[in-house]
Amino acid sequence: MNEIDFIAILNYRTTGEGGRKTPARSGYRPQVKFPFSEMQTSGQQTFFGKEWVYPGDTVKANIKILMTDFFAHCLEEGMSFEFREGAMIIGTGKIIEIVNEELRK
């Protein structure tokens, strides 16, 4: 089992844009939503070179999703996605490298 499914650049919304009011710690697990499906999955974010990310920050992160079987053969490098807390979109991401080949379209 892979510890990483893909690497992404994450853009956290500011609090004024509807994002979090507090920073997120590396290991944070918001819901991830891809544009091709209404299905959401938990996606653990492990940040490169920092422990905390603040509203408005951009960070590179390893992402590990929970439901890899559902998203098999669906992801592409360059694909954008949202990450959420419930109905609140707290940021967007872009896949820059797929590590788990089973996810590659």
Foldseek 3Di string as FASTA:
>chain_A
DDPFFFKKKKFFAAVVVQADPAKDFQQDWFWKFFPVDPDIWTKHWGFPPDGIDHHGDITMTGIDTDCQVVQFQPDDQQGKIFTDDVVTTGIMIGTHTGDNNRNHD
